[in-house]
Amino acid sequence: MNLNQYLPVLLFILVGIGVGVVPQVLGYILGPNRPDTAKNSPYECGFEAFEDARMKFDVRYYLVAILFILFDLEIAFLFPWAVSLRQIGSAGFWAMMIFLGILVVGFVYEWKKGALDWE
């Protein structure tokens, strides 16, 4: 067995690690470090990050996250549809229009119910 065959794989792994690690190290070394109260405040979830892990917090955070994932995954179906639109013809086009119509109805329903409001 010749080890020269594995040289491209080793180089690929090393370059991948370098592309991932070098920018982070450079950012840590060269970037400014000026923390203030705004930077250290809670982000997105609305509670202090280093408190009791069993504390309750608002269920709306979960709801918005689940709705985002739901609509994001639905939109992911548009990419293969767009690529194969010529092959599937008008039946595929109208099937996707029905799918998008149902998606819009669901979105409007969630909007009217106030599930997307954050107060």
N, C-alpha and C. Protein backbone atom coordinates (compact mmCIF):
# COMPACT_ATOMS: atom_id res chain seq x y z
N MET A 1 0.85 -1.18 0.00
CA MET A 1 0.00 0.00 0.00
C MET A 1 0.89 1.24 0.00
N ASN A 2 0.57 2.18 -0.83
CA ASN A 2 1.35 3.39 -0.98
C ASN A 2 0.69 4.52 -0.20
N LEU A 3 1.42 5.13 0.73
CA LEU A 3 0.87 6.20 1.55
C LEU A 3 0.72 7.51 0.79
N ASN A 4 1.34 7.63 -0.38
CA ASN A 4 1.19 8.84 -1.19
C ASN A 4 -0.25 9.04 -1.67
N GLN A 5 -1.03 7.96 -1.72
CA GLN A 5 -2.42 8.07 -2.14
C GLN A 5 -3.25 8.85 -1.11
N TYR A 6 -2.83 8.83 0.14
CA TYR A 6 -3.58 9.50 1.20
C TYR A 6 -3.16 10.95 1.41
N LEU A 7 -2.14 11.41 0.70
CA LEU A 7 -1.67 12.78 0.85
C LEU A 7 -2.76 13.81 0.50
N PRO A 8 -3.52 13.66 -0.59
CA PRO A 8 -4.59 14.64 -0.86
C PRO A 8 -5.65 14.68 0.25
N VAL A 9 -5.97 13.53 0.82
CA VAL A 9 -6.95 13.49 1.90
C VAL A 9 -6.41 14.21 3.12
N LEU A 10 -5.15 13.98 3.44
CA LEU A 10 -4.53 14.65 4.58
C LEU A 10 -4.47 16.16 4.35
N LEU A 11 -4.12 16.57 3.15
CA LEU A 11 -4.09 18.01 2.85
C LEU A 11 -5.49 18.61 2.93
N PHE A 12 -6.49 17.90 2.47
CA PHE A 12 -7.87 18.38 2.54
C PHE A 12 -8.29 18.58 4.00
N ILE A 13 -7.97 17.63 4.85
CA ILE A 13 -8.31 17.74 6.27
C ILE A 13 -7.56 18.91 6.91
N LEU A 14 -6.29 19.06 6.62
CA LEU A 14 -5.51 20.15 7.20
C LEU A 14 -6.01 21.51 6.73
N VAL A 15 -6.33 21.64 5.45
CA VAL A 15 -6.85 22.90 4.95
C VAL A 15 -8.22 23.19 5.57
N GLY A 16 -9.05 22.18 5.73
CA GLY A 16 -10.35 22.37 6.36
C GLY A 16 -10.23 22.84 7.80
N ILE A 17 -9.33 22.23 8.54
CA ILE A 17 -9.09 22.66 9.92
C ILE A 17 -8.54 24.08 9.95
N GLY A 18 -7.62 24.37 9.03
CA GLY A 18 -7.04 25.71 8.98
C GLY A 18 -8.08 26.77 8.65
N VAL A 19 -8.97 26.48 7.70
CA VAL A 19 -10.01 27.44 7.33
C VAL A 19 -10.97 27.66 8.49
N GLY A 20 -11.16 26.66 9.31
CA GLY A 20 -12.06 26.81 10.45
C GLY A 20 -11.42 27.46 11.66
N VAL A 21 -10.16 27.19 11.90
CA VAL A 21 -9.51 27.64 13.13
C VAL A 21 -8.80 28.98 12.97
N VAL A 22 -8.12 29.19 11.87
CA VAL A 22 -7.30 30.40 11.69
C VAL A 22 -8.13 31.68 11.79
N PRO A 23 -9.29 31.82 11.15
CA PRO A 23 -10.06 33.06 11.31
C PRO A 23 -10.52 33.30 12.75
N GLN A 24 -10.85 32.23 13.45
CA GLN A 24 -11.27 32.40 14.84
C GLN A 24 -10.11 32.88 15.71
N VAL A 25 -8.94 32.31 15.51
CA VAL A 25 -7.77 32.72 16.29
C VAL A 25 -7.40 34.16 15.94
N LEU A 26 -7.42 34.50 14.66
CA LEU A 26 -7.10 35.88 14.27
C LEU A 26 -8.12 36.87 14.84
N GLY A 27 -9.38 36.52 14.82
CA GLY A 27 -10.40 37.38 15.39
C GLY A 27 -10.22 37.56 16.90
N TYR A 28 -9.84 36.51 17.57
CA TYR A 28 -9.62 36.59 19.01
C TYR A 28 -8.40 37.46 19.33
N ILE A 29 -7.36 37.31 18.53
CA ILE A 29 -6.12 38.07 18.78
C ILE A 29 -6.26 39.53 18.35
N LEU A 30 -6.79 39.77 17.15
CA LEU A 30 -6.83 41.11 16.58
C LEU A 30 -8.09 41.90 16.92
N GLY A 31 -9.15 41.21 17.31
CA GLY A 31 -10.42 41.89 17.56
C GLY A 31 -10.43 42.63 18.88
N PRO A 32 -11.22 43.71 18.96
CA PRO A 32 -11.31 44.46 20.21
C PRO A 32 -12.09 43.68 21.25
N ASN A 33 -11.74 43.86 22.50
CA ASN A 33 -12.43 43.21 23.60
C ASN A 33 -12.87 44.30 24.57
N ARG A 34 -14.04 44.86 24.31
CA ARG A 34 -14.57 45.94 25.15
C ARG A 34 -15.98 45.57 25.62
N PRO A 35 -16.10 44.67 26.58
CA PRO A 35 -17.44 44.30 27.03
C PRO A 35 -18.10 45.44 27.80
N ASP A 36 -19.42 45.56 27.63
CA ASP A 36 -20.20 46.50 28.41
C ASP A 36 -21.51 45.82 28.79
N THR A 37 -22.39 46.54 29.44
CA THR A 37 -23.62 45.91 29.92
C THR A 37 -24.51 45.45 28.77
N ALA A 38 -24.53 46.17 27.66
CA ALA A 38 -25.36 45.76 26.53
C ALA A 38 -24.86 44.47 25.90
N LYS A 39 -23.54 44.33 25.78
CA LYS A 39 -22.98 43.11 25.19
C LYS A 39 -23.15 41.91 26.11
N ASN A 40 -23.15 42.14 27.40
CA ASN A 40 -23.28 41.05 28.35
C ASN A 40 -24.72 40.75 28.74
N SER A 41 -25.67 41.46 28.14
CA SER A 41 -27.08 41.25 28.47
C SER A 41 -27.61 39.99 27.79
N PRO A 42 -28.75 39.47 28.25
CA PRO A 42 -29.34 38.27 27.64
C PRO A 42 -29.68 38.51 26.18
N TYR A 43 -29.51 37.49 25.38
CA TYR A 43 -29.74 37.61 23.95
C TYR A 43 -30.79 36.61 23.51
N GLU A 44 -31.80 37.03 22.82
CA GLU A 44 -32.86 36.26 22.20
C GLU A 44 -33.78 35.54 23.17
N CYS A 45 -33.27 34.81 24.13
CA CYS A 45 -34.15 33.99 24.95
C CYS A 45 -34.78 34.78 26.08
N GLY A 46 -34.27 35.94 26.43
CA GLY A 46 -34.92 36.81 27.39
C GLY A 46 -34.63 36.54 28.84
N PHE A 47 -33.68 35.70 29.16
CA PHE A 47 -33.33 35.47 30.56
C PHE A 47 -31.82 35.41 30.71
N GLU A 48 -31.36 35.60 31.91
CA GLU A 48 -29.92 35.57 32.17
C GLU A 48 -29.37 34.19 31.84
N ALA A 49 -28.22 34.15 31.21
CA ALA A 49 -27.68 32.88 30.74
C ALA A 49 -27.14 32.00 31.86
N PHE A 50 -26.70 32.58 32.93
CA PHE A 50 -26.06 31.78 33.97
C PHE A 50 -26.86 31.81 35.26
N GLU A 51 -28.12 31.44 35.17
CA GLU A 51 -28.98 31.32 36.34
C GLU A 51 -29.37 29.87 36.49
N ASP A 52 -30.39 29.63 37.31
CA ASP A 52 -30.87 28.29 37.55
C ASP A 52 -31.38 27.68 36.25
N ALA A 53 -30.95 26.47 35.94
CA ALA A 53 -31.34 25.82 34.70
C ALA A 53 -32.79 25.37 34.71
N ARG A 54 -33.42 25.33 35.87
CA ARG A 54 -34.80 24.86 35.97
C ARG A 54 -35.82 25.98 35.95
N MET A 55 -35.38 27.20 35.69
CA MET A 55 -36.32 28.32 35.70
C MET A 55 -37.26 28.26 34.51
N LYS A 56 -38.46 28.80 34.68
CA LYS A 56 -39.44 28.83 33.60
C LYS A 56 -39.24 30.11 32.80
N PHE A 57 -39.45 30.00 31.49
CA PHE A 57 -39.46 31.21 30.67
C PHE A 57 -40.55 31.09 29.62
N ASP A 58 -40.80 32.17 28.97
CA ASP A 58 -41.97 32.33 28.13
C ASP A 58 -42.04 31.29 27.03
N VAL A 59 -43.21 30.70 26.86
CA VAL A 59 -43.43 29.68 25.84
C VAL A 59 -43.45 30.30 24.44
N ARG A 60 -43.64 31.61 24.33
CA ARG A 60 -43.64 32.25 23.01
C ARG A 60 -42.30 32.10 22.31
N TYR A 61 -41.22 32.00 23.08
CA TYR A 61 -39.91 31.77 22.45
C TYR A 61 -39.92 30.45 21.69
N TYR A 62 -40.45 29.40 22.31
CA TYR A 62 -40.56 28.11 21.64
C TYR A 62 -41.48 28.20 20.43
N LEU A 63 -42.59 28.89 20.58
CA LEU A 63 -43.57 28.99 19.51
C LEU A 63 -42.97 29.67 18.28
N VAL A 64 -42.29 30.77 18.49
CA VAL A 64 -41.67 31.47 17.36
C VAL A 64 -40.59 30.59 16.72
N ALA A 65 -39.81 29.88 17.52
CA ALA A 65 -38.77 29.01 16.98
C ALA A 65 -39.38 27.87 16.16
N ILE A 66 -40.44 27.26 16.67
CA ILE A 66 -41.08 26.16 15.95
C ILE A 66 -41.71 26.66 14.65
N LEU A 67 -42.35 27.83 14.71
CA LEU A 67 -42.94 28.38 13.49
C LEU A 67 -41.87 28.71 12.45
N PHE A 68 -40.74 29.22 12.90
CA PHE A 68 -39.65 29.51 11.97
C PHE A 68 -39.16 28.23 11.30
N ILE A 69 -38.95 27.19 12.09
CA ILE A 69 -38.48 25.92 11.52
C ILE A 69 -39.52 25.36 10.55
N LEU A 70 -40.79 25.43 10.93
CA LEU A 70 -41.85 24.92 10.07
C LEU A 70 -41.86 25.62 8.72
N PHE A 71 -41.90 26.94 8.71
CA PHE A 71 -41.97 27.66 7.45
C PHE A 71 -40.64 27.59 6.69
N ASP A 72 -39.53 27.48 7.39
CA ASP A 72 -38.25 27.35 6.73
C ASP A 72 -38.16 26.01 6.00
N LEU A 73 -38.63 24.94 6.62
CA LEU A 73 -38.60 23.64 5.96
C LEU A 73 -39.58 23.58 4.80
N GLU A 74 -40.69 24.27 4.93
CA GLU A 74 -41.64 24.30 3.81
C GLU A 74 -41.02 25.00 2.60
N ILE A 75 -40.32 26.06 2.85
CA ILE A 75 -39.69 26.79 1.74
C ILE A 75 -38.58 25.96 1.10
N ALA A 76 -37.98 25.04 1.84
CA ALA A 76 -36.92 24.19 1.29
C ALA A 76 -37.45 23.31 0.15
N PHE A 77 -38.76 23.06 0.12
CA PHE A 77 -39.33 22.28 -0.97
C PHE A 77 -39.34 23.05 -2.29
N LEU A 78 -39.15 24.35 -2.24
CA LEU A 78 -39.18 25.13 -3.48
C LEU A 78 -37.94 24.92 -4.34
N PHE A 79 -36.80 24.59 -3.75
CA PHE A 79 -35.57 24.45 -4.53
C PHE A 79 -35.62 23.27 -5.49
N PRO A 80 -35.94 22.06 -5.04
CA PRO A 80 -36.01 20.97 -6.03
C PRO A 80 -37.14 21.17 -7.03
N TRP A 81 -38.22 21.80 -6.61
CA TRP A 81 -39.33 22.08 -7.52
C TRP A 81 -38.87 23.02 -8.62
N ALA A 82 -38.14 24.08 -8.26
CA ALA A 82 -37.68 25.06 -9.24
C ALA A 82 -36.70 24.43 -10.23
N VAL A 83 -35.87 23.52 -9.76
CA VAL A 83 -34.90 22.88 -10.64
C VAL A 83 -35.59 21.97 -11.65
N SER A 84 -36.63 21.28 -11.22
CA SER A 84 -37.28 20.30 -12.10
C SER A 84 -38.58 20.82 -12.71
N LEU A 85 -38.78 22.11 -12.74
CA LEU A 85 -40.05 22.67 -13.21
C LEU A 85 -40.34 22.33 -14.66
N ARG A 86 -39.34 22.32 -15.52
CA ARG A 86 -39.57 22.00 -16.94
C ARG A 86 -40.00 20.54 -17.12
N GLN A 87 -39.46 19.65 -16.30
CA GLN A 87 -39.79 18.23 -16.45
C GLN A 87 -41.17 17.90 -15.89
N ILE A 88 -41.60 18.59 -14.84
CA ILE A 88 -42.88 18.22 -14.21
C ILE A 88 -44.07 18.90 -14.85
N GLY A 89 -43.85 19.92 -15.64
CA GLY A 89 -44.91 20.54 -16.42
C GLY A 89 -45.92 21.32 -15.60
N SER A 90 -47.08 21.54 -16.21
CA SER A 90 -48.08 22.39 -15.58
C SER A 90 -48.73 21.72 -14.37
N ALA A 91 -48.82 20.39 -14.37
CA ALA A 91 -49.39 19.69 -13.21
C ALA A 91 -48.53 19.93 -11.97
N GLY A 92 -47.24 19.86 -12.14
CA GLY A 92 -46.33 20.13 -11.02
C GLY A 92 -46.38 21.58 -10.59
N PHE A 93 -46.54 22.46 -11.56
CA PHE A 93 -46.64 23.88 -11.23
C PHE A 93 -47.87 24.15 -10.38
N TRP A 94 -49.03 23.62 -10.80
CA TRP A 94 -50.25 23.88 -10.05
C TRP A 94 -50.27 23.15 -8.71
N ALA A 95 -49.63 22.01 -8.63
CA ALA A 95 -49.52 21.33 -7.34
C ALA A 95 -48.73 22.18 -6.35
N MET A 96 -47.66 22.82 -6.83
CA MET A 96 -46.87 23.69 -5.95
C MET A 96 -47.66 24.95 -5.60
N MET A 97 -48.46 25.46 -6.52
CA MET A 97 -49.28 26.64 -6.20
C MET A 97 -50.30 26.31 -5.11
N ILE A 98 -50.87 25.11 -5.15
CA ILE A 98 -51.79 24.69 -4.08
C ILE A 98 -51.02 24.57 -2.76
N PHE A 99 -49.85 23.99 -2.81
CA PHE A 99 -49.01 23.86 -1.62
C PHE A 99 -48.69 25.24 -1.04
N LEU A 100 -48.29 26.17 -1.89
CA LEU A 100 -47.97 27.51 -1.42
C LEU A 100 -49.21 28.24 -0.91
N GLY A 101 -50.36 27.99 -1.53
CA GLY A 101 -51.60 28.58 -1.05
C GLY A 101 -51.93 28.10 0.36
N ILE A 102 -51.77 26.80 0.61
CA ILE A 102 -52.00 26.27 1.96
C ILE A 102 -51.00 26.87 2.93
N LEU A 103 -49.76 27.03 2.49
CA LEU A 103 -48.74 27.63 3.34
C LEU A 103 -49.09 29.08 3.69
N VAL A 104 -49.57 29.83 2.72
CA VAL A 104 -49.96 31.22 2.97
C VAL A 104 -51.15 31.28 3.91
N VAL A 105 -52.12 30.39 3.74
CA VAL A 105 -53.28 30.36 4.64
C VAL A 105 -52.82 30.08 6.07
N GLY A 106 -51.90 29.15 6.25
CA GLY A 106 -51.37 28.87 7.58
C GLY A 106 -50.62 30.05 8.16
N PHE A 107 -49.86 30.74 7.32
CA PHE A 107 -49.12 31.91 7.78
C PHE A 107 -50.06 33.03 8.21
N VAL A 108 -51.09 33.28 7.41
CA VAL A 108 -52.07 34.32 7.75
C VAL A 108 -52.82 33.95 9.03
N TYR A 109 -53.14 32.68 9.20
CA TYR A 109 -53.82 32.22 10.40
C TYR A 109 -52.96 32.48 11.64
N GLU A 110 -51.67 32.13 11.56
CA GLU A 110 -50.76 32.36 12.69
C GLU A 110 -50.61 33.86 12.96
N TRP A 111 -50.58 34.64 11.91
CA TRP A 111 -50.43 36.09 12.05
C TRP A 111 -51.67 36.68 12.73
N LYS A 112 -52.85 36.26 12.29
CA LYS A 112 -54.10 36.78 12.87
C LYS A 112 -54.29 36.33 14.32
N LYS A 113 -53.82 35.14 14.64
CA LYS A 113 -53.93 34.64 16.02
C LYS A 113 -52.95 35.33 16.95
N GLY A 114 -51.98 36.06 16.40
CA GLY A 114 -51.02 36.77 17.22
C GLY A 114 -49.83 35.94 17.65
N ALA A 115 -49.64 34.77 16.99
CA ALA A 115 -48.53 33.90 17.37
C ALA A 115 -47.18 34.51 17.00
N LEU A 116 -47.16 35.45 16.08
CA LEU A 116 -45.90 36.04 15.66
C LEU A 116 -45.61 37.35 16.38
N ASP A 117 -46.54 37.80 17.24
CA ASP A 117 -46.32 39.04 18.00
C ASP A 117 -45.50 38.74 19.24
N TRP A 118 -44.58 39.62 19.54
CA TRP A 118 -43.74 39.47 20.71
C TRP A 118 -43.92 40.73 21.57
N GLU A 119 -44.68 40.60 22.64
CA GLU A 119 -44.96 41.76 23.49
C GLU A 119 -44.43 41.55 24.87
